[in-house]
């Protein structure tokens, strides 16, 4: 992970856990501690909202990050 940040100067963290208190926050902190000087932009986290996970399959699909959302964030970071 740190080698990738050093090589690309960017970091996108995608996970299915909620944003607050999720694993992405811990990974982002480690990147900030150990590879901050290599970053050319912010560490971008893509995660579901801070709400309970819905049981219904259609609602779960709406809850989880989607491909268009990931592409949008990746393009934003690329242009940063």
PDB file of N, CA and C in Angstrom:
ATOM      1  N   UNK A   1       0.826  -1.176   0.000  1.00  0.00           N
ATOM      2  CA  UNK A   1       0.000   0.000   0.000  1.00  0.00           C
ATOM      3  C   UNK A   1       0.878   1.250   0.000  1.00  0.00           C
ATOM      4  N   UNK A   2       1.850   1.316   0.879  1.00  0.00           N
ATOM      5  CA  UNK A   2       2.718   2.489   0.936  1.00  0.00           C
ATOM      6  C   UNK A   2       3.585   2.591  -0.311  1.00  0.00           C
ATOM      7  N   UNK A   3       4.022   1.469  -0.839  1.00  0.00           N
ATOM      8  CA  UNK A   3       4.812   1.478  -2.078  1.00  0.00           C
ATOM      9  C   UNK A   3       3.980   2.037  -3.228  1.00  0.00           C
ATOM     10  N   UNK A   4       2.707   1.691  -3.265  1.00  0.00           N
ATOM     11  CA  UNK A   4       1.820   2.196  -4.309  1.00  0.00           C
ATOM     12  C   UNK A   4       1.644   3.708  -4.182  1.00  0.00           C
ATOM     13  N   UNK A   5       1.481   4.208  -2.968  1.00  0.00           N
ATOM     14  CA  UNK A   5       1.347   5.650  -2.758  1.00  0.00           C
ATOM     15  C   UNK A   5       2.630   6.355  -3.176  1.00  0.00           C
ATOM     16  N   UNK A   6       3.765   5.794  -2.839  1.00  0.00           N
ATOM     17  CA  UNK A   6       5.044   6.402  -3.225  1.00  0.00           C
ATOM     18  C   UNK A   6       5.213   6.419  -4.740  1.00  0.00           C
ATOM     19  N   UNK A   7       4.693   5.394  -5.416  1.00  0.00           N
ATOM     20  CA  UNK A   7       4.818   5.289  -6.867  1.00  0.00           C
ATOM     21  C   UNK A   7       3.842   6.210  -7.595  1.00  0.00           C
ATOM     22  N   UNK A   8       2.595   6.276  -7.137  1.00  0.00           N
ATOM     23  CA  UNK A   8       1.555   7.018  -7.851  1.00  0.00           C
ATOM     24  C   UNK A   8       1.277   8.407  -7.298  1.00  0.00           C
ATOM     25  N   UNK A   9       1.672   8.668  -6.074  1.00  0.00           N
ATOM     26  CA  UNK A   9       1.419   9.932  -5.369  1.00  0.00           C
ATOM     27  C   UNK A   9      -0.057  10.165  -5.080  1.00  0.00           C
ATOM     28  N   UNK A  10      -0.860   9.113  -5.162  1.00  0.00           N
ATOM     29  CA  UNK A  10      -2.296   9.214  -4.915  1.00  0.00           C
ATOM     30  C   UNK A  10      -2.761   8.017  -4.090  1.00  0.00           C
ATOM     31  N   UNK A  11      -3.916   8.156  -3.428  1.00  0.00           N
ATOM     32  CA  UNK A  11      -4.489   7.043  -2.676  1.00  0.00           C
ATOM     33  C   UNK A  11      -6.008   7.159  -2.660  1.00  0.00           C
ATOM     34  N   UNK A  12      -6.663   6.080  -3.079  1.00  0.00           N
ATOM     35  CA  UNK A  12      -8.113   5.961  -2.985  1.00  0.00           C
ATOM     36  C   UNK A  12      -8.403   4.713  -2.166  1.00  0.00           C
ATOM     37  N   UNK A  13      -9.196   4.873  -1.129  1.00  0.00           N
ATOM     38  CA  UNK A  13      -9.564   3.752  -0.270  1.00  0.00           C
ATOM     39  C   UNK A  13     -11.046   3.471  -0.463  1.00  0.00           C
ATOM     40  N   UNK A  14     -11.362   2.278  -0.918  1.00  0.00           N
ATOM     41  CA  UNK A  14     -12.735   1.859  -1.163  1.00  0.00           C
ATOM     42  C   UNK A  14     -13.046   0.694  -0.248  1.00  0.00           C
ATOM     43  N   UNK A  15     -14.112   0.819   0.529  1.00  0.00           N
ATOM     44  CA  UNK A  15     -14.513  -0.289   1.393  1.00  0.00           C
ATOM     45  C   UNK A  15     -16.004  -0.249   1.646  1.00  0.00           C
ATOM     46  N   UNK A  16     -16.545  -1.367   2.126  1.00  0.00           N
ATOM     47  CA  UNK A  16     -17.984  -1.491   2.363  1.00  0.00           C
ATOM     48  C   UNK A  16     -18.387  -1.135   3.783  1.00  0.00           C
ATOM     49  N   UNK A  17     -17.430  -0.866   4.649  1.00  0.00           N
ATOM     50  CA  UNK A  17     -17.744  -0.448   6.006  1.00  0.00           C
ATOM     51  C   UNK A  17     -18.151   1.023   5.972  1.00  0.00           C
ATOM     52  N   UNK A  18     -18.849   1.494   6.998  1.00  0.00           N
ATOM     53  CA  UNK A  18     -19.256   2.896   7.030  1.00  0.00           C
ATOM     54  C   UNK A  18     -18.030   3.806   7.111  1.00  0.00           C
ATOM     55  N   UNK A  19     -18.224   5.072   6.726  1.00  0.00           N
ATOM     56  CA  UNK A  19     -17.109   6.015   6.667  1.00  0.00           C
ATOM     57  C   UNK A  19     -16.503   6.271   8.053  1.00  0.00           C
ATOM     58  N   UNK A  20     -17.347   6.606   9.037  1.00  0.00           N
ATOM     59  CA  UNK A  20     -16.856   6.928  10.374  1.00  0.00           C
ATOM     60  C   UNK A  20     -16.561   5.648  11.149  1.00  0.00           C
ATOM     61  N   UNK A  21     -15.334   5.548  11.626  1.00  0.00           N
ATOM     62  CA  UNK A  21     -14.947   4.380  12.404  1.00  0.00           C
ATOM     63  C   UNK A  21     -14.655   3.155  11.563  1.00  0.00           C
ATOM     64  N   UNK A  22     -14.620   3.311  10.248  1.00  0.00           N
ATOM     65  CA  UNK A  22     -14.340   2.193   9.365  1.00  0.00           C
ATOM     66  C   UNK A  22     -12.848   1.953   9.219  1.00  0.00           C
ATOM     67  N   UNK A  23     -12.519   0.869   8.573  1.00  0.00           N
ATOM     68  CA  UNK A  23     -11.117   0.495   8.379  1.00  0.00           C
ATOM     69  C   UNK A  23     -10.383   1.514   7.510  1.00  0.00           C
ATOM     70  N   UNK A  24     -11.111   2.188   6.617  1.00  0.00           N
ATOM     71  CA  UNK A  24     -10.484   3.173   5.742  1.00  0.00           C
ATOM     72  C   UNK A  24      -9.837   4.317   6.505  1.00  0.00           C
ATOM     73  N   UNK A  25     -10.409   4.703   7.617  1.00  0.00           N
ATOM     74  CA  UNK A  25      -9.824   5.768   8.426  1.00  0.00           C
ATOM     75  C   UNK A  25      -8.475   5.378   8.999  1.00  0.00           C
ATOM     76  N   UNK A  26      -8.355   4.136   9.427  1.00  0.00           N
ATOM     77  CA  UNK A  26      -7.074   3.649   9.964  1.00  0.00           C
ATOM     78  C   UNK A  26      -6.021   3.571   8.862  1.00  0.00           C
ATOM     79  N   UNK A  27      -6.420   3.083   7.706  1.00  0.00           N
ATOM     80  CA  UNK A  27      -5.470   3.001   6.590  1.00  0.00           C
ATOM     81  C   UNK A  27      -5.046   4.398   6.148  1.00  0.00           C
ATOM     82  N   UNK A  28      -6.004   5.330   6.092  1.00  0.00           N
ATOM     83  CA  UNK A  28      -5.677   6.708   5.716  1.00  0.00           C
ATOM     84  C   UNK A  28      -4.695   7.327   6.712  1.00  0.00           C
ATOM     85  N   UNK A  29      -4.873   7.030   7.992  1.00  0.00           N
ATOM     86  CA  UNK A  29      -3.947   7.553   9.011  1.00  0.00           C
ATOM     87  C   UNK A  29      -2.544   6.998   8.806  1.00  0.00           C
ATOM     88  N   UNK A  30      -2.441   5.725   8.485  1.00  0.00           N
ATOM     89  CA  UNK A  30      -1.116   5.136   8.251  1.00  0.00           C
ATOM     90  C   UNK A  30      -0.447   5.731   7.022  1.00  0.00           C
ATOM     91  N   UNK A  31      -1.236   5.961   5.976  1.00  0.00           N
ATOM     92  CA  UNK A  31      -0.676   6.602   4.787  1.00  0.00           C
ATOM     93  C   UNK A  31      -0.185   8.002   5.128  1.00  0.00           C
ATOM     94  N   UNK A  32      -0.981   8.750   5.894  1.00  0.00           N
ATOM     95  CA  UNK A  32      -0.596  10.102   6.292  1.00  0.00           C
ATOM     96  C   UNK A  32       0.664  10.104   7.148  1.00  0.00           C
ATOM     97  N   UNK A  33       0.814   9.120   8.010  1.00  0.00           N
ATOM     98  CA  UNK A  33       1.989   9.048   8.882  1.00  0.00           C
ATOM     99  C   UNK A  33       3.255   8.635   8.135  1.00  0.00           C
ATOM    100  N   UNK A  34       3.119   7.707   7.203  1.00  0.00           N
ATOM    101  CA  UNK A  34       4.309   7.081   6.614  1.00  0.00           C
ATOM    102  C   UNK A  34       4.602   7.478   5.181  1.00  0.00           C
ATOM    103  N   UNK A  35       3.664   8.150   4.498  1.00  0.00           N
ATOM    104  CA  UNK A  35       3.911   8.491   3.092  1.00  0.00           C
ATOM    105  C   UNK A  35       3.365   9.877   2.735  1.00  0.00           C
ATOM    106  N   UNK A  36       3.154  10.730   3.717  1.00  0.00           N
ATOM    107  CA  UNK A  36       2.563  12.042   3.467  1.00  0.00           C
ATOM    108  C   UNK A  36       3.367  12.843   2.450  1.00  0.00           C
ATOM    109  N   UNK A  37       4.679  12.793   2.542  1.00  0.00           N
ATOM    110  CA  UNK A  37       5.526  13.609   1.659  1.00  0.00           C
ATOM    111  C   UNK A  37       5.439  13.179   0.193  1.00  0.00           C
ATOM    112  N   UNK A  38       4.914  11.999  -0.066  1.00  0.00           N
ATOM    113  CA  UNK A  38       4.767  11.512  -1.441  1.00  0.00           C
ATOM    114  C   UNK A  38       3.413  11.881  -2.052  1.00  0.00           C
ATOM    115  N   UNK A  39       2.450  12.271  -1.251  1.00  0.00           N
ATOM    116  CA  UNK A  39       1.101  12.545  -1.746  1.00  0.00           C
ATOM    117  C   UNK A  39       1.032  13.853  -2.527  1.00  0.00           C
ATOM    118  N   UNK A  40       0.352  13.811  -3.687  1.00  0.00           N
ATOM    119  CA  UNK A  40       0.087  15.004  -4.481  1.00  0.00           C
ATOM    120  C   UNK A  40      -1.372  15.429  -4.378  1.00  0.00           C
ATOM    121  N   UNK A  41      -2.104  14.847  -3.485  1.00  0.00           N
ATOM    122  CA  UNK A  41      -3.504  15.174  -3.287  1.00  0.00           C
ATOM    123  C   UNK A  41      -3.997  14.521  -2.013  1.00  0.00           C
ATOM    124  N   UNK A  42      -5.245  14.751  -1.665  1.00  0.00           N
ATOM    125  CA  UNK A  42      -5.774  14.154  -0.437  1.00  0.00           C
ATOM    126  C   UNK A  42      -5.983  12.651  -0.580  1.00  0.00           C
ATOM    127  N   UNK A  43      -5.980  11.965   0.535  1.00  0.00           N
ATOM    128  CA  UNK A  43      -6.366  10.556   0.549  1.00  0.00           C
ATOM    129  C   UNK A  43      -7.888  10.534   0.431  1.00  0.00           C
ATOM    130  N   UNK A  44      -8.396   9.872  -0.604  1.00  0.00           N
ATOM    131  CA  UNK A  44      -9.830   9.844  -0.875  1.00  0.00           C
ATOM    132  C   UNK A  44     -10.406   8.544  -0.328  1.00  0.00           C
ATOM    133  N   UNK A  45     -11.453   8.662   0.477  1.00  0.00           N
ATOM    134  CA  UNK A  45     -12.146   7.478   0.998  1.00  0.00           C
ATOM    135  C   UNK A  45     -13.522   7.388   0.363  1.00  0.00           C
ATOM    136  N   UNK A  46     -13.840   6.215  -0.136  1.00  0.00           N
ATOM    137  CA  UNK A  46     -15.152   5.954  -0.715  1.00  0.00           C
ATOM    138  C   UNK A  46     -15.779   4.848   0.127  1.00  0.00           C
ATOM    139  N   UNK A  47     -16.894   5.172   0.751  1.00  0.00           N
ATOM    140  CA  UNK A  47     -17.546   4.232   1.659  1.00  0.00           C
ATOM    141  C   UNK A  47     -19.027   4.561   1.742  1.00  0.00           C
ATOM    142  N   UNK A  48     -19.814   3.630   2.249  1.00  0.00           N
ATOM    143  CA  UNK A  48     -21.243   3.909   2.441  1.00  0.00           C
ATOM    144  C   UNK A  48     -21.455   5.016   3.476  1.00  0.00           C
ATOM    145  N   UNK A  49     -22.659   5.569   3.530  1.00  0.00           N
ATOM    146  CA  UNK A  49     -22.946   6.600   4.531  1.00  0.00           C
ATOM    147  C   UNK A  49     -22.982   6.010   5.939  1.00  0.00           C
ATOM    148  N   UNK A  50     -22.925   6.888   6.907  1.00  0.00           N
ATOM    149  CA  UNK A  50     -22.947   6.477   8.312  1.00  0.00           C
ATOM    150  C   UNK A  50     -24.375   6.167   8.759  1.00  0.00           C
ATOM    151  N   UNK A  51     -24.931   5.115   8.211  1.00  0.00           N
ATOM    152  CA  UNK A  51     -26.276   4.671   8.551  1.00  0.00           C
ATOM    153  C   UNK A  51     -26.256   3.152   8.718  1.00  0.00           C
ATOM    154  N   UNK A  52     -27.259   2.587   9.350  1.00  0.00           N
ATOM    155  CA  UNK A  52     -27.308   1.124   9.440  1.00  0.00           C
ATOM    156  C   UNK A  52     -27.395   0.488   8.050  1.00  0.00           C
ATOM    157  N   UNK A  53     -26.823  -0.694   7.920  1.00  0.00           N
ATOM    158  CA  UNK A  53     -26.856  -1.415   6.652  1.00  0.00           C
ATOM    159  C   UNK A  53     -28.277  -1.927   6.424  1.00  0.00           C
ATOM    160  N   UNK A  54     -28.873  -1.609   5.280  1.00  0.00           N
ATOM    161  CA  UNK A  54     -30.238  -2.073   5.023  1.00  0.00           C
ATOM    162  C   UNK A  54     -30.270  -3.572   4.718  1.00  0.00           C
ATOM    163  N   UNK A  55     -31.392  -4.198   5.027  1.00  0.00           N
ATOM    164  CA  UNK A  55     -31.558  -5.627   4.804  1.00  0.00           C
ATOM    165  C   UNK A  55     -32.053  -5.925   3.393  1.00  0.00           C
ATOM    166  N   UNK A  56     -32.837  -5.043   2.852  1.00  0.00           N
ATOM    167  CA  UNK A  56     -33.428  -5.227   1.532  1.00  0.00           C
ATOM    168  C   UNK A  56     -32.355  -5.163   0.442  1.00  0.00           C
ATOM    169  N   UNK A  57     -32.290  -6.128  -0.471  1.00  0.00           N
ATOM    170  CA  UNK A  57     -31.278  -6.105  -1.543  1.00  0.00           C
ATOM    171  C   UNK A  57     -31.272  -4.818  -2.382  1.00  0.00           C
ATOM    172  N   UNK A  58     -32.418  -4.279  -2.796  1.00  0.00           N
ATOM    173  CA  UNK A  58     -32.362  -3.024  -3.553  1.00  0.00           C
ATOM    174  C   UNK A  58     -31.803  -1.859  -2.728  1.00  0.00           C
ATOM    175  N   UNK A  59     -32.170  -1.801  -1.460  1.00  0.00           N
ATOM    176  CA  UNK A  59     -31.631  -0.743  -0.605  1.00  0.00           C
ATOM    177  C   UNK A  59     -30.144  -0.942  -0.343  1.00  0.00           C
ATOM    178  N   UNK A  60     -29.733  -2.198  -0.203  1.00  0.00           N
ATOM    179  CA  UNK A  60     -28.307  -2.474  -0.002  1.00  0.00           C
ATOM    180  C   UNK A  60     -27.503  -2.043  -1.228  1.00  0.00           C
ATOM    181  N   UNK A  61     -28.039  -2.279  -2.420  1.00  0.00           N
ATOM    182  CA  UNK A  61     -27.358  -1.835  -3.641  1.00  0.00           C
ATOM    183  C   UNK A  61     -27.204  -0.319  -3.671  1.00  0.00           C
ATOM    184  N   UNK A  62     -28.223   0.390  -3.200  1.00  0.00           N
ATOM    185  CA  UNK A  62     -28.145   1.852  -3.146  1.00  0.00           C
ATOM    186  C   UNK A  62     -27.199   2.322  -2.048  1.00  0.00           C
ATOM    187  N   UNK A  63     -27.046   1.537  -1.005  1.00  0.00           N
ATOM    188  CA  UNK A  63     -26.208   1.871   0.148  1.00  0.00           C
ATOM    189  C   UNK A  63     -24.715   1.756  -0.166  1.00  0.00           C
ATOM    190  N   UNK A  64     -24.343   0.706  -0.901  1.00  0.00           N
ATOM    191  CA  UNK A  64     -22.932   0.435  -1.173  1.00  0.00           C
ATOM    192  C   UNK A  64     -22.388   1.377  -2.245  1.00  0.00           C
ATOM    193  N   UNK A  65     -21.073   1.662  -2.213  1.00  0.00           N
ATOM    194  CA  UNK A  65     -20.479   2.492  -3.265  1.00  0.00           C
ATOM    195  C   UNK A  65     -20.691   1.848  -4.640  1.00  0.00           C
ATOM    196  N   UNK A  66     -20.976   2.678  -5.624  1.00  0.00           N
ATOM    197  CA  UNK A  66     -21.249   2.193  -6.970  1.00  0.00           C
ATOM    198  C   UNK A  66     -20.068   2.478  -7.895  1.00  0.00           C
ATOM    199  N   UNK A  67     -20.065   1.810  -9.020  1.00  0.00           N
ATOM    200  CA  UNK A  67     -19.006   2.024 -10.014  1.00  0.00           C
ATOM    201  C   UNK A  67     -18.964   3.485 -10.469  1.00  0.00           C
ATOM    202  N   UNK A  68     -20.102   4.110 -10.797  1.00  0.00           N
ATOM    203  CA  UNK A  68     -20.039   5.526 -11.187  1.00  0.00           C
ATOM    204  C   UNK A  68     -19.442   6.425 -10.101  1.00  0.00           C
ATOM    205  N   UNK A  69     -19.744   6.129  -8.839  1.00  0.00           N
ATOM    206  CA  UNK A  69     -19.181   6.926  -7.734  1.00  0.00           C
ATOM    207  C   UNK A  69     -17.660   6.769  -7.666  1.00  0.00           C
ATOM    208  N   UNK A  70     -17.177   5.543  -7.844  1.00  0.00           N
ATOM    209  CA  UNK A  70     -15.730   5.285  -7.813  1.00  0.00           C
ATOM    210  C   UNK A  70     -15.052   5.992  -8.978  1.00  0.00           C
ATOM    211  N   UNK A  71     -15.633   5.895 -10.161  1.00  0.00           N
ATOM    212  CA  UNK A  71     -15.060   6.555 -11.342  1.00  0.00           C
ATOM    213  C   UNK A  71     -15.030   8.068 -11.147  1.00  0.00           C
ATOM    214  N   UNK A  72     -16.112   8.621 -10.606  1.00  0.00           N
ATOM    215  CA  UNK A  72     -16.174  10.064 -10.354  1.00  0.00           C
ATOM    216  C   UNK A  72     -15.054  10.506  -9.406  1.00  0.00           C
ATOM    217  N   UNK A  73     -14.896   9.789  -8.310  1.00  0.00           N
ATOM    218  CA  UNK A  73     -13.856  10.136  -7.329  1.00  0.00           C
ATOM    219  C   UNK A  73     -12.451   9.956  -7.908  1.00  0.00           C
ATOM    220  N   UNK A  74     -12.247   8.903  -8.693  1.00  0.00           N
ATOM    221  CA  UNK A  74     -10.929   8.666  -9.302  1.00  0.00           C
ATOM    222  C   UNK A  74     -10.584   9.777 -10.292  1.00  0.00           C
ATOM    223  N   UNK A  75     -11.544  10.197 -11.076  1.00  0.00           N
ATOM    224  CA  UNK A  75     -11.301  11.296 -12.027  1.00  0.00           C
ATOM    225  C   UNK A  75     -11.035  12.592 -11.285  1.00  0.00           C
ATOM    226  N   UNK A  76     -11.778  12.818 -10.212  1.00  0.00           N
ATOM    227  CA  UNK A  76     -11.540  14.033  -9.414  1.00  0.00           C
ATOM    228  C   UNK A  76     -10.111  14.058  -8.861  1.00  0.00           C
ATOM    229  N   UNK A  77      -9.691  12.921  -8.303  1.00  0.00           N
ATOM    230  CA  UNK A  77      -8.334  12.855  -7.736  1.00  0.00           C
ATOM    231  C   UNK A  77      -7.280  12.984  -8.819  1.00  0.00           C
ATOM    232  N   UNK A  78      -7.520  12.418  -9.982  1.00  0.00           N
ATOM    233  CA  UNK A  78      -6.573  12.521 -11.098  1.00  0.00           C
ATOM    234  C   UNK A  78      -6.366  13.980 -11.491  1.00  0.00           C
ATOM    235  N   UNK A  79      -7.459  14.758 -11.510  1.00  0.00           N
ATOM    236  CA  UNK A  79      -7.369  16.170 -11.902  1.00  0.00           C
ATOM    237  C   UNK A  79      -6.846  17.077 -10.774  1.00  0.00           C
ATOM    238  N   UNK A  80      -6.781  16.567  -9.567  1.00  0.00           N
ATOM    239  CA  UNK A  80      -6.398  17.394  -8.415  1.00  0.00           C
ATOM    240  C   UNK A  80      -5.009  17.963  -8.611  1.00  0.00           C
TER     241      UNK A  80
END
